[in-house]
C-alpha atoms as a PDB file:
ATOM      1  CA  MET A   1     -23.497  10.200 -10.868  1.00  0.00           C
ATOM      2  CA  ALA A   2     -20.864   7.734  -9.139  1.00  0.00           C
ATOM      3  CA  VAL A   3     -18.519   9.170  -7.401  1.00  0.00           C
ATOM      4  CA  TYR A   4     -15.126   8.469  -7.273  1.00  0.00           C
ATOM      5  CA  ALA A   5     -12.472   7.227  -4.947  1.00  0.00           C
ATOM      6  CA  PHE A   6      -8.884   5.910  -6.463  1.00  0.00           C
ATOM      7  CA  VAL A   7      -6.903   3.376  -4.167  1.00  0.00           C
ATOM      8  CA  PHE A   8      -3.482   1.779  -4.764  1.00  0.00           C
ATOM      9  CA  PRO A   9      -2.224  -1.701  -4.035  1.00  0.00           C
ATOM     10  CA  GLY A  10       0.356  -2.475  -1.129  1.00  0.00           C
ATOM     11  CA  GLN A  11       2.870  -5.561  -0.701  1.00  0.00           C
ATOM     12  CA  GLY A  12       1.436  -8.583  -1.128  1.00  0.00           C
ATOM     13  CA  SER A  13      -0.269  -7.643  -4.823  1.00  0.00           C
ATOM     14  CA  GLN A  14       3.117  -8.407  -7.023  1.00  0.00           C
ATOM     15  CA  SER A  15       3.757 -10.634  -9.241  1.00  0.00           C
ATOM     16  CA  VAL A  16       6.255 -11.306 -12.042  1.00  0.00           C
ATOM     17  CA  GLY A  17       4.795  -9.835 -15.417  1.00  0.00           C
ATOM     18  CA  MET A  18       2.461  -7.036 -13.860  1.00  0.00           C
ATOM     19  CA  GLY A  19       2.371  -3.954 -16.314  1.00  0.00           C
ATOM     20  CA  ALA A  20       4.320  -6.014 -18.947  1.00  0.00           C
ATOM     21  CA  ASP A  21       0.995  -5.583 -21.697  1.00  0.00           C
ATOM     22  CA  LEU A  22       0.414  -2.480 -20.453  1.00  0.00           C
ATOM     23  CA  ALA A  23       4.309  -1.549 -21.672  1.00  0.00           C
ATOM     24  CA  GLN A  24       4.110  -3.092 -24.829  1.00  0.00           C
ATOM     25  CA  ALA A  25       0.497  -1.566 -25.765  1.00  0.00           C
ATOM     26  CA  PHE A  26       0.863   1.891 -24.705  1.00  0.00           C
ATOM     27  CA  PRO A  27       3.601   4.784 -24.640  1.00  0.00           C
ATOM     28  CA  ALA A  28       2.781   6.412 -21.630  1.00  0.00           C
ATOM     29  CA  ALA A  29       3.097   3.043 -19.129  1.00  0.00           C
ATOM     30  CA  ARG A  30       6.612   2.442 -20.867  1.00  0.00           C
ATOM     31  CA  ALA A  31       7.526   5.671 -20.814  1.00  0.00           C
ATOM     32  CA  VAL A  32       6.838   5.405 -16.768  1.00  0.00           C
ATOM     33  CA  PHE A  33       8.792   2.491 -16.521  1.00  0.00           C
ATOM     34  CA  GLU A  34      11.782   4.132 -18.352  1.00  0.00           C
ATOM     35  CA  GLU A  35      11.987   7.207 -15.410  1.00  0.00           C
ATOM     36  CA  VAL A  36      11.635   4.908 -12.767  1.00  0.00           C
ATOM     37  CA  ASP A  37      14.846   2.743 -14.142  1.00  0.00           C
ATOM     38  CA  ASP A  38      16.324   5.863 -14.743  1.00  0.00           C
ATOM     39  CA  ALA A  39      16.140   7.074 -11.064  1.00  0.00           C
ATOM     40  CA  LEU A  40      17.319   3.688  -9.606  1.00  0.00           C
ATOM     41  CA  GLY A  41      20.059   3.433 -11.702  1.00  0.00           C
ATOM     42  CA  GLU A  42      18.974  -0.508 -12.589  1.00  0.00           C
ATOM     43  CA  ARG A  43      16.654  -1.900 -14.516  1.00  0.00           C
ATOM     44  CA  LEU A  44      14.233  -2.836 -11.935  1.00  0.00           C
ATOM     45  CA  SER A  45      11.453  -3.212 -15.209  1.00  0.00           C
ATOM     46  CA  LYS A  46      12.851  -6.268 -15.799  1.00  0.00           C
ATOM     47  CA  ILE A  47      13.031  -7.416 -12.770  1.00  0.00           C
ATOM     48  CA  ILE A  48       8.971  -6.600 -13.033  1.00  0.00           C
ATOM     49  CA  PHE A  49       8.139  -8.223 -15.954  1.00  0.00           C
ATOM     50  CA  GLU A  50      10.244 -11.481 -16.143  1.00  0.00           C
ATOM     51  CA  GLY A  51      11.689 -11.867 -12.146  1.00  0.00           C
ATOM     52  CA  PRO A  52      13.082 -14.399 -10.921  1.00  0.00           C
ATOM     53  CA  SER A  53       9.401 -14.200  -8.496  1.00  0.00           C
ATOM     54  CA  ASP A  54      12.127 -13.547  -4.946  1.00  0.00           C
ATOM     55  CA  GLU A  55      14.241 -10.800  -6.525  1.00  0.00           C
ATOM     56  CA  LEU A  56      10.694  -8.948  -7.148  1.00  0.00           C
ATOM     57  CA  THR A  57       9.605  -9.961  -3.603  1.00  0.00           C
ATOM     58  CA  SER A  58      12.356  -8.222  -1.680  1.00  0.00           C
ATOM     59  CA  THR A  59      11.457  -5.304  -0.052  1.00  0.00           C
ATOM     60  CA  GLU A  60      13.114  -2.627  -1.917  1.00  0.00           C
ATOM     61  CA  ASN A  61      11.781  -3.960  -5.131  1.00  0.00           C
ATOM     62  CA  THR A  62       8.330  -4.857  -4.432  1.00  0.00           C
ATOM     63  CA  GLN A  63       7.877  -0.453  -3.318  1.00  0.00           C
ATOM     64  CA  PRO A  64       8.673   0.984  -5.701  1.00  0.00           C
ATOM     65  CA  ALA A  65       7.748  -1.789  -8.348  1.00  0.00           C
ATOM     66  CA  LEU A  66       3.657  -1.734  -7.871  1.00  0.00           C
ATOM     67  CA  MET A  67       4.621   2.384  -7.563  1.00  0.00           C
ATOM     68  CA  ALA A  68       5.779   2.154 -11.009  1.00  0.00           C
ATOM     69  CA  VAL A  69       2.472  -0.113 -11.866  1.00  0.00           C
ATOM     70  CA  SER A  70       0.236   2.359 -10.473  1.00  0.00           C
ATOM     71  CA  MET A  71       1.722   4.723 -12.181  1.00  0.00           C
ATOM     72  CA  ALA A  72       1.861   3.449 -15.673  1.00  0.00           C
ATOM     73  CA  VAL A  73      -1.964   2.769 -15.052  1.00  0.00           C
ATOM     74  CA  ILE A  74      -2.665   6.605 -14.287  1.00  0.00           C
ATOM     75  CA  ARG A  75      -0.970   7.954 -17.193  1.00  0.00           C
ATOM     76  CA  VAL A  76      -2.638   5.970 -19.669  1.00  0.00           C
ATOM     77  CA  LEU A  77      -5.739   6.932 -18.556  1.00  0.00           C
ATOM     78  CA  GLU A  78      -4.288  10.411 -18.481  1.00  0.00           C
ATOM     79  CA  THR A  79      -2.763  10.222 -22.088  1.00  0.00           C
ATOM     80  CA  GLU A  80      -5.012   7.405 -23.419  1.00  0.00           C
ATOM     81  CA  GLY A  81      -8.180   8.190 -21.956  1.00  0.00           C
ATOM     82  CA  GLY A  82      -7.875  11.552 -21.012  1.00  0.00           C
ATOM     83  CA  LEU A  83      -8.815  11.690 -16.882  1.00  0.00           C
ATOM     84  CA  ASP A  84      -8.927  14.893 -15.210  1.00  0.00           C
ATOM     85  CA  LEU A  85      -7.720  13.468 -12.143  1.00  0.00           C
ATOM     86  CA  ALA A  86      -8.591  16.873 -10.516  1.00  0.00           C
ATOM     87  CA  GLY A  87     -12.047  16.854 -12.460  1.00  0.00           C
ATOM     88  CA  LYS A  88     -13.095  13.634 -11.855  1.00  0.00           C
ATOM     89  CA  VAL A  89     -11.747  11.379  -8.677  1.00  0.00           C
ATOM     90  CA  SER A  90     -12.867  13.313  -4.591  1.00  0.00           C
ATOM     91  CA  LEU A  91      -9.919  10.879  -2.776  1.00  0.00           C
ATOM     92  CA  LEU A  92      -6.922   9.117  -3.048  1.00  0.00           C
ATOM     93  CA  ALA A  93      -5.429   6.642  -0.456  1.00  0.00           C
ATOM     94  CA  GLY A  94      -2.982   3.430  -0.886  1.00  0.00           C
ATOM     95  CA  HIS A  95      -2.372   1.575   1.153  1.00  0.00           C
ATOM     96  CA  SER A  96       1.437   1.191   3.345  1.00  0.00           C
ATOM     97  CA  LEU A  97       4.117   2.017  -0.070  1.00  0.00           C
ATOM     98  CA  GLY A  98       0.148   2.181  -1.996  1.00  0.00           C
ATOM     99  CA  GLU A  99       0.460   5.804  -0.489  1.00  0.00           C
ATOM    100  CA  TYR A 100       2.993   7.040  -2.260  1.00  0.00           C
ATOM    101  CA  ALA A 101       1.719   5.520  -5.518  1.00  0.00           C
ATOM    102  CA  ALA A 102      -1.241   7.991  -4.583  1.00  0.00           C
ATOM    103  CA  LEU A 103       0.596  11.515  -3.805  1.00  0.00           C
ATOM    104  CA  ALA A 104       2.878  10.373  -7.205  1.00  0.00           C
ATOM    105  CA  ALA A 105      -1.029   9.765  -8.632  1.00  0.00           C
ATOM    106  CA  GLY A 106      -1.721  13.620  -6.839  1.00  0.00           C
ATOM    107  CA  ARG A 107       1.185  15.262  -7.869  1.00  0.00           C
ATOM    108  CA  SER A 108       2.644  15.317  -4.763  1.00  0.00           C
ATOM    109  CA  PHE A 109       6.096  13.345  -6.017  1.00  0.00           C
ATOM    110  CA  ARG A 110       7.497  13.461  -8.692  1.00  0.00           C
ATOM    111  CA  LEU A 111       7.166   9.740 -10.273  1.00  0.00           C
ATOM    112  CA  THR A 112      11.526   9.598  -9.942  1.00  0.00           C
ATOM    113  CA  ASP A 113      11.377  10.857  -6.215  1.00  0.00           C
ATOM    114  CA  ALA A 114       8.501   8.935  -5.333  1.00  0.00           C
ATOM    115  CA  ALA A 115      10.689   5.878  -6.686  1.00  0.00           C
ATOM    116  CA  ARG A 116      13.855   6.843  -4.717  1.00  0.00           C
ATOM    117  CA  LEU A 117      11.971   7.520  -1.327  1.00  0.00           C
ATOM    118  CA  LEU A 118      10.154   3.623  -1.985  1.00  0.00           C
ATOM    119  CA  ARG A 119      13.907   2.424  -2.444  1.00  0.00           C
ATOM    120  CA  LEU A 120      15.266   3.651   0.491  1.00  0.00           C
ATOM    121  CA  ARG A 121      12.174   3.078   2.975  1.00  0.00           C
ATOM    122  CA  GLY A 122      12.536  -1.043   1.498  1.00  0.00           C
ATOM    123  CA  GLN A 123      15.759  -0.503   2.201  1.00  0.00           C
ATOM    124  CA  ALA A 124      15.829   0.869   5.751  1.00  0.00           C
ATOM    125  CA  MET A 125      13.129  -1.635   6.862  1.00  0.00           C
ATOM    126  CA  GLN A 126      14.725  -4.295   5.560  1.00  0.00           C
ATOM    127  CA  LYS A 127      17.348  -3.196   7.779  1.00  0.00           C
ATOM    128  CA  ALA A 128      15.959  -2.598  10.737  1.00  0.00           C
ATOM    129  CA  VAL A 129      15.639  -5.809  12.276  1.00  0.00           C
ATOM    130  CA  PRO A 130      17.990  -8.580  11.814  1.00  0.00           C
ATOM    131  CA  ALA A 131      16.723 -11.046   9.489  1.00  0.00           C
ATOM    132  CA  GLY A 132      14.243 -14.301  11.849  1.00  0.00           C
ATOM    133  CA  GLU A 133      13.838 -11.977  14.775  1.00  0.00           C
ATOM    134  CA  GLY A 134      10.408 -10.047  13.596  1.00  0.00           C
ATOM    135  CA  GLY A 135       7.481 -11.569  11.879  1.00  0.00           C
ATOM    136  CA  MET A 136       4.328 -10.961  10.613  1.00  0.00           C
ATOM    137  CA  ALA A 137       0.745 -13.031  11.154  1.00  0.00           C
ATOM    138  CA  ALA A 138      -2.621 -12.642   9.879  1.00  0.00           C
ATOM    139  CA  ILE A 139      -5.889 -12.833  12.557  1.00  0.00           C
ATOM    140  CA  ILE A 140      -8.816 -13.727  10.312  1.00  0.00           C
ATOM    141  CA  GLY A 141     -12.008 -14.204  11.366  1.00  0.00           C
ATOM    142  CA  GLY A 142     -11.453 -12.030  14.874  1.00  0.00           C
ATOM    143  CA  THR A 143     -12.777  -8.794  16.039  1.00  0.00           C
ATOM    144  CA  LEU A 144     -10.276  -5.847  17.052  1.00  0.00           C
ATOM    145  CA  ALA A 145     -10.826  -5.904  20.663  1.00  0.00           C
ATOM    146  CA  GLN A 146      -9.799  -9.911  20.225  1.00  0.00           C
ATOM    147  CA  VAL A 147      -6.737  -9.030  18.755  1.00  0.00           C
ATOM    148  CA  GLN A 148      -6.010  -6.569  20.760  1.00  0.00           C
ATOM    149  CA  GLU A 149      -6.185  -8.722  23.956  1.00  0.00           C
ATOM    150  CA  ILE A 150      -4.101 -11.198  21.857  1.00  0.00           C
ATOM    151  CA  CYS A 151      -1.324  -8.950  21.248  1.00  0.00           C
ATOM    152  CA  ALA A 152      -1.442  -8.158  25.270  1.00  0.00           C
ATOM    153  CA  GLU A 153      -0.624 -11.490  26.604  1.00  0.00           C
ATOM    154  CA  ALA A 154       1.162 -12.762  23.531  1.00  0.00           C
ATOM    155  CA  GLY A 155       3.047  -9.407  23.454  1.00  0.00           C
ATOM    156  CA  LYS A 156       4.066  -9.630  27.592  1.00  0.00           C
ATOM    157  CA  GLY A 157       7.448  -8.305  28.091  1.00  0.00           C
ATOM    158  CA  SER A 158       8.247  -8.437  24.112  1.00  0.00           C
ATOM    159  CA  ILE A 159       6.924  -5.909  21.098  1.00  0.00           C
ATOM    160  CA  LEU A 160       3.406  -7.121  19.333  1.00  0.00           C
ATOM    161  CA  GLU A 161       1.303  -4.797  18.076  1.00  0.00           C
ATOM    162  CA  ILE A 162      -1.110  -4.333  15.298  1.00  0.00           C
ATOM    163  CA  ALA A 163       0.018  -3.668  12.088  1.00  0.00           C
ATOM    164  CA  ASN A 164      -2.918  -4.095   9.599  1.00  0.00           C
ATOM    165  CA  ASP A 165      -6.794  -3.177   9.963  1.00  0.00           C
ATOM    166  CA  ASN A 166      -7.402  -4.116   6.376  1.00  0.00           C
ATOM    167  CA  GLY A 167     -11.503  -5.194   7.996  1.00  0.00           C
ATOM    168  CA  GLY A 168     -13.110  -8.222   6.608  1.00  0.00           C
ATOM    169  CA  GLY A 169     -12.054  -9.524   9.577  1.00  0.00           C
ATOM    170  CA  GLN A 170      -8.373  -9.464   8.304  1.00  0.00           C
ATOM    171  CA  ILE A 171      -6.327  -7.925  11.256  1.00  0.00           C
ATOM    172  CA  VAL A 172      -2.281  -7.952  10.680  1.00  0.00           C
ATOM    173  CA  ILE A 173      -0.197  -7.848  14.479  1.00  0.00           C
ATOM    174  CA  SER A 174       3.510  -7.471  13.608  1.00  0.00           C
ATOM    175  CA  GLY A 175       6.405  -7.981  16.706  1.00  0.00           C
ATOM    176  CA  ALA A 176       8.785 -10.231  17.495  1.00  0.00           C
ATOM    177  CA  MET A 177       9.314 -13.389  16.109  1.00  0.00           C
ATOM    178  CA  ASP A 178       8.725 -15.793  19.573  1.00  0.00           C
ATOM    179  CA  ALA A 179       5.229 -13.320  21.051  1.00  0.00           C
ATOM    180  CA  ILE A 180       4.066 -13.942  16.655  1.00  0.00           C
ATOM    181  CA  ASP A 181       4.852 -17.677  17.521  1.00  0.00           C
ATOM    182  CA  LYS A 182       2.552 -17.103  20.504  1.00  0.00           C
ATOM    183  CA  ALA A 183       0.040 -14.842  18.966  1.00  0.00           C
ATOM    184  CA  VAL A 184      -1.495 -18.226  16.392  1.00  0.00           C
ATOM    185  CA  ALA A 185      -1.480 -20.384  19.041  1.00  0.00           C
ATOM    186  CA  LEU A 186      -2.969 -18.032  21.412  1.00  0.00           C
ATOM    187  CA  ALA A 187      -5.796 -17.543  18.593  1.00  0.00           C
ATOM    188  CA  LYS A 188      -6.133 -20.819  18.193  1.00  0.00           C
ATOM    189  CA  GLU A 189      -6.788 -21.907  21.292  1.00  0.00           C
ATOM    190  CA  MET A 190     -10.087 -18.824  21.521  1.00  0.00           C
ATOM    191  CA  LYS A 191     -11.485 -20.718  18.386  1.00  0.00           C
ATOM    192  CA  ILE A 192     -10.609 -17.439  16.034  1.00  0.00           C
ATOM    193  CA  LYS A 193     -11.270 -19.142  12.494  1.00  0.00           C
ATOM    194  CA  ARG A 194      -7.605 -18.845  11.061  1.00  0.00           C
ATOM    195  CA  ALA A 195      -3.989 -17.325  12.472  1.00  0.00           C
ATOM    196  CA  LEU A 196      -1.129 -17.632  10.197  1.00  0.00           C
ATOM    197  CA  LYS A 197       2.218 -16.355   9.782  1.00  0.00           C
ATOM    198  CA  LEU A 198       2.759 -14.598   7.057  1.00  0.00           C
ATOM    199  CA  PRO A 199       5.739 -15.113   4.315  1.00  0.00           C
ATOM    200  CA  VAL A 200       7.205 -11.582   4.712  1.00  0.00           C
ATOM    201  CA  SER A 201      11.321 -10.462   5.932  1.00  0.00           C
ATOM    202  CA  ALA A 202      10.206  -7.930   9.010  1.00  0.00           C
ATOM    203  CA  PRO A 203       7.852  -6.927  11.342  1.00  0.00           C
ATOM    204  CA  PHE A 204       6.578  -3.565   9.341  1.00  0.00           C
ATOM    205  CA  HIS A 205       4.232  -1.647  10.920  1.00  0.00           C
ATOM    206  CA  SER A 206       5.374  -2.086  14.684  1.00  0.00           C
ATOM    207  CA  SER A 207       7.892  -0.465  16.672  1.00  0.00           C
ATOM    208  CA  LEU A 208      10.502  -2.279  15.970  1.00  0.00           C
ATOM    209  CA  MET A 209      10.610  -0.085  12.311  1.00  0.00           C
ATOM    210  CA  ARG A 210      11.991   3.146  14.714  1.00  0.00           C
ATOM    211  CA  PRO A 211      15.203   3.366  12.706  1.00  0.00           C
ATOM    212  CA  ALA A 212      13.408   2.712   9.207  1.00  0.00           C
ATOM    213  CA  GLU A 213      10.979   5.712  10.627  1.00  0.00           C
ATOM    214  CA  ASP A 214      14.470   7.588  11.302  1.00  0.00           C
ATOM    215  CA  VAL A 215      15.740   7.093   7.959  1.00  0.00           C
ATOM    216  CA  MET A 216      12.663   7.970   5.831  1.00  0.00           C
ATOM    217  CA  ALA A 217      12.685  10.678   8.484  1.00  0.00           C
ATOM    218  CA  GLU A 218      15.223  12.177   7.284  1.00  0.00           C
ATOM    219  CA  ALA A 219      14.833  11.753   4.080  1.00  0.00           C
ATOM    220  CA  LEU A 220      11.296  13.236   4.340  1.00  0.00           C
ATOM    221  CA  HIS A 221      12.256  16.625   5.687  1.00  0.00           C
ATOM    222  CA  LYS A 222      14.549  17.016   2.212  1.00  0.00           C
ATOM    223  CA  ALA A 223      12.316  15.590   0.022  1.00  0.00           C
ATOM    224  CA  GLU A 224       9.959  17.766  -2.411  1.00  0.00           C
ATOM    225  CA  ILE A 225       6.608  17.488  -1.629  1.00  0.00           C
ATOM    226  CA  ALA A 226       3.385  19.638  -2.885  1.00  0.00           C
ATOM    227  CA  ALA A 227      -0.098  19.741  -2.024  1.00  0.00           C
ATOM    228  CA  PRO A 228      -2.111  16.860  -3.610  1.00  0.00           C
ATOM    229  CA  ILE A 229      -4.798  18.172  -6.421  1.00  0.00           C
ATOM    230  CA  VAL A 230      -6.817  15.565  -5.034  1.00  0.00           C
ATOM    231  CA  PRO A 231      -7.224  14.837  -0.946  1.00  0.00           C
ATOM    232  CA  ILE A 232      -5.448  11.695   0.045  1.00  0.00           C
ATOM    233  CA  ILE A 233      -6.941   9.701   2.969  1.00  0.00           C
ATOM    234  CA  ALA A 234      -4.063   9.029   5.234  1.00  0.00           C
ATOM    235  CA  ASN A 235      -3.286   5.415   6.792  1.00  0.00           C
ATOM    236  CA  VAL A 236      -2.145   6.795  10.145  1.00  0.00           C
ATOM    237  CA  THR A 237      -5.208   9.034  10.340  1.00  0.00           C
ATOM    238  CA  ALA A 238      -8.034   7.883   7.864  1.00  0.00           C
ATOM    239  CA  SER A 239      -8.596  10.932   7.230  1.00  0.00           C
ATOM    240  CA  LYS A 240      -7.921  13.514   5.141  1.00  0.00           C
ATOM    241  CA  ALA A 241      -4.330  15.441   4.036  1.00  0.00           C
ATOM    242  CA  THR A 242      -4.112  18.355   1.608  1.00  0.00           C
ATOM    243  CA  ASP A 243      -1.027  19.928   3.036  1.00  0.00           C
ATOM    244  CA  ALA A 244       2.418  19.286   2.426  1.00  0.00           C
ATOM    245  CA  ASP A 245       4.179  19.149   6.390  1.00  0.00           C
ATOM    246  CA  THR A 246       0.742  16.903   6.900  1.00  0.00           C
ATOM    247  CA  ILE A 247       1.500  14.466   4.119  1.00  0.00           C
ATOM    248  CA  ARG A 248       5.396  14.315   5.277  1.00  0.00           C
ATOM    249  CA  ASP A 249       4.341  14.010   8.751  1.00  0.00           C
ATOM    250  CA  ASN A 250       2.037  10.748   7.940  1.00  0.00           C
ATOM    251  CA  LEU A 251       4.449   9.347   5.836  1.00  0.00           C
ATOM    252  CA  ILE A 252       6.813   9.299   8.715  1.00  0.00           C
ATOM    253  CA  LYS A 253       4.502   7.535  11.160  1.00  0.00           C
ATOM    254  CA  GLN A 254       3.496   5.678   8.829  1.00  0.00           C
ATOM    255  CA  VAL A 255       6.387   3.169   8.895  1.00  0.00           C
ATOM    256  CA  THR A 256       5.622   2.174  12.733  1.00  0.00           C
ATOM    257  CA  GLY A 257       2.248   3.116  12.627  1.00  0.00           C
ATOM    258  CA  ARG A 258      -1.061   0.996  11.746  1.00  0.00           C
ATOM    259  CA  VAL A 259      -2.272   0.724   8.877  1.00  0.00           C
ATOM    260  CA  ARG A 260      -5.974   2.003   9.161  1.00  0.00           C
ATOM    261  CA  TRP A 261      -7.484   0.879   6.165  1.00  0.00           C
ATOM    262  CA  ARG A 262     -11.280  -0.335   7.525  1.00  0.00           C
ATOM    263  CA  GLU A 263     -11.249   2.899   8.834  1.00  0.00           C
ATOM    264  CA  SER A 264      -9.915   4.644   6.136  1.00  0.00           C
ATOM    265  CA  VAL A 265     -12.842   2.740   3.455  1.00  0.00           C
ATOM    266  CA  GLU A 266     -15.799   3.901   6.180  1.00  0.00           C
ATOM    267  CA  ALA A 267     -14.589   7.546   6.436  1.00  0.00           C
ATOM    268  CA  MET A 268     -14.926   7.555   2.304  1.00  0.00           C
ATOM    269  CA  SER A 269     -17.724   6.213   2.281  1.00  0.00           C
ATOM    270  CA  SER A 270     -19.047   8.634   5.173  1.00  0.00           C
ATOM    271  CA  MET A 271     -17.498  11.443   2.468  1.00  0.00           C
ATOM    272  CA  GLY A 272     -19.706   9.997  -0.389  1.00  0.00           C
ATOM    273  CA  ILE A 273     -17.415   8.099  -2.908  1.00  0.00           C
ATOM    274  CA  ASP A 274     -19.326   5.052  -4.066  1.00  0.00           C
ATOM    275  CA  THR A 275     -17.351   4.051  -6.653  1.00  0.00           C
ATOM    276  CA  PHE A 276     -13.915   2.254  -5.578  1.00  0.00           C
ATOM    277  CA  VAL A 277     -11.156   1.929  -8.310  1.00  0.00           C
ATOM    278  CA  GLU A 278      -7.685  -0.234  -7.581  1.00  0.00           C
ATOM    279  CA  ILE A 279      -5.359   1.095  -9.671  1.00  0.00           C
ATOM    280  CA  GLY A 280      -2.640  -1.790 -10.102  1.00  0.00           C
ATOM    281  CA  ALA A 281      -0.884  -4.691  -9.364  1.00  0.00           C
ATOM    282  CA  GLY A 282      -3.781  -7.686  -8.351  1.00  0.00           C
ATOM    283  CA  LYS A 283      -7.390  -7.148  -6.954  1.00  0.00           C
ATOM    284  CA  VAL A 284      -6.292  -6.945  -2.853  1.00  0.00           C
ATOM    285  CA  LEU A 285      -8.247  -3.897  -1.963  1.00  0.00           C
ATOM    286  CA  SER A 286     -11.423  -3.933  -3.991  1.00  0.00           C
ATOM    287  CA  GLY A 287     -11.926  -7.133  -2.344  1.00  0.00           C
ATOM    288  CA  LEU A 288     -11.676  -5.627   1.296  1.00  0.00           C
ATOM    289  CA  VAL A 289     -13.518  -2.661  -0.015  1.00  0.00           C
ATOM    290  CA  ARG A 290     -16.504  -5.016  -0.919  1.00  0.00           C
ATOM    291  CA  ARG A 291     -16.531  -7.340   2.144  1.00  0.00           C
ATOM    292  CA  ILE A 292     -15.947  -3.422   3.918  1.00  0.00           C
ATOM    293  CA  ASP A 293     -18.676  -1.637   3.231  1.00  0.00           C
ATOM    294  CA  PRO A 294     -21.362  -4.013   0.651  1.00  0.00           C
ATOM    295  CA  GLU A 295     -23.026  -1.120  -0.854  1.00  0.00           C
ATOM    296  CA  VAL A 296     -20.146   0.633  -2.236  1.00  0.00           C
ATOM    297  CA  SER A 297     -19.136  -0.500  -6.157  1.00  0.00           C
ATOM    298  CA  SER A 298     -15.104  -1.455  -6.294  1.00  0.00           C
ATOM    299  CA  LEU A 299     -13.327  -2.279  -9.648  1.00  0.00           C
ATOM    300  CA  SER A 300      -9.296  -2.957 -10.328  1.00  0.00           C
ATOM    301  CA  ILE A 301      -7.908  -1.722 -13.336  1.00  0.00           C
ATOM    302  CA  SER A 302      -4.502  -3.388 -14.196  1.00  0.00           C
ATOM    303  CA  THR A 303      -4.746  -4.752 -18.000  1.00  0.00           C
ATOM    304  CA  PRO A 304      -5.034  -2.574 -21.067  1.00  0.00           C
ATOM    305  CA  ALA A 305      -8.766  -4.542 -21.327  1.00  0.00           C
ATOM    306  CA  ASP A 306      -9.371  -2.792 -17.506  1.00  0.00           C
ATOM    307  CA  ILE A 307      -8.852   0.344 -19.302  1.00  0.00           C
ATOM    308  CA  GLU A 308     -10.786   0.475 -22.165  1.00  0.00           C
ATOM    309  CA  GLU A 309     -13.874  -1.240 -20.280  1.00  0.00           C
ATOM    310  CA  PHE A 310     -13.394   1.133 -17.180  1.00  0.00           C
ATOM    311  CA  LEU A 311     -13.103   4.351 -20.439  1.00  0.00           C
ATOM    312  CA  LYS A 312     -16.277   3.346 -21.840  1.00  0.00           C
ATOM    313  CA  SER A 313     -18.500   4.153 -18.709  1.00  0.00           C
ATOM    314  CA  PHE A 314     -16.425   6.628 -16.907  1.00  0.00           C
END
């Protein structure tokens, strides 16, 4: 009998047209997109389904959009497939903004509140640092110790930090643009397999995001948060969160803190998870899971066909 964790994707998994086939096929999915549109007071669903791409990739749209697609999948699994989340799924986790989708799936947040919080989070992160002053880079094929060394050297007199420890030899750094440039050059000198600047608009998950953390702290203290029906593995601690106060604190720290994805997957495996199911757009997390722990199964659900296939064996 499989032991399941449902995991929810973050920024970078978006694509124009995601979720459109779900909305067409299932009233429950359609209702999710309508609810998010109403919560935001605009037709975000039109941007999700039709683009243009540059509007979808704007952070304030990407964040609620990816959550909406994930929740559309969850609602279809529950209504069409009779999924009992609390009875069948042992743990939930999400990558960065995906943690909000995990919490919405786990009933900690109402869907409308998750949409509004993610819209605010995207706007606050975008405003935290003037355009062009901060950035991110992926370091591929280096160890955590090597990347820490790069950050210490290239970040002298500046800010440069590890933003995501994604596992599988993929670590993302974040900070001031001059330090990012130095780090990419240094990684090449150290013969690390690959180092490339990422096409992002801000230095996410670094201490430069402190103004956004303050905005989210205020919003999250006002938000209604319930204990989740399934325990959440938090990004910043890579450990279980089961009460509202801990969840709130983790989400505030997450704005500037490291996404400990490798550690999160390792922790879930150590808790007995043998099957990871990526819920929503893309297949980024299921790929990372396979590289972190080749012993576990991982799959992704984003289309009506995926749902049908999954329910046959679930």
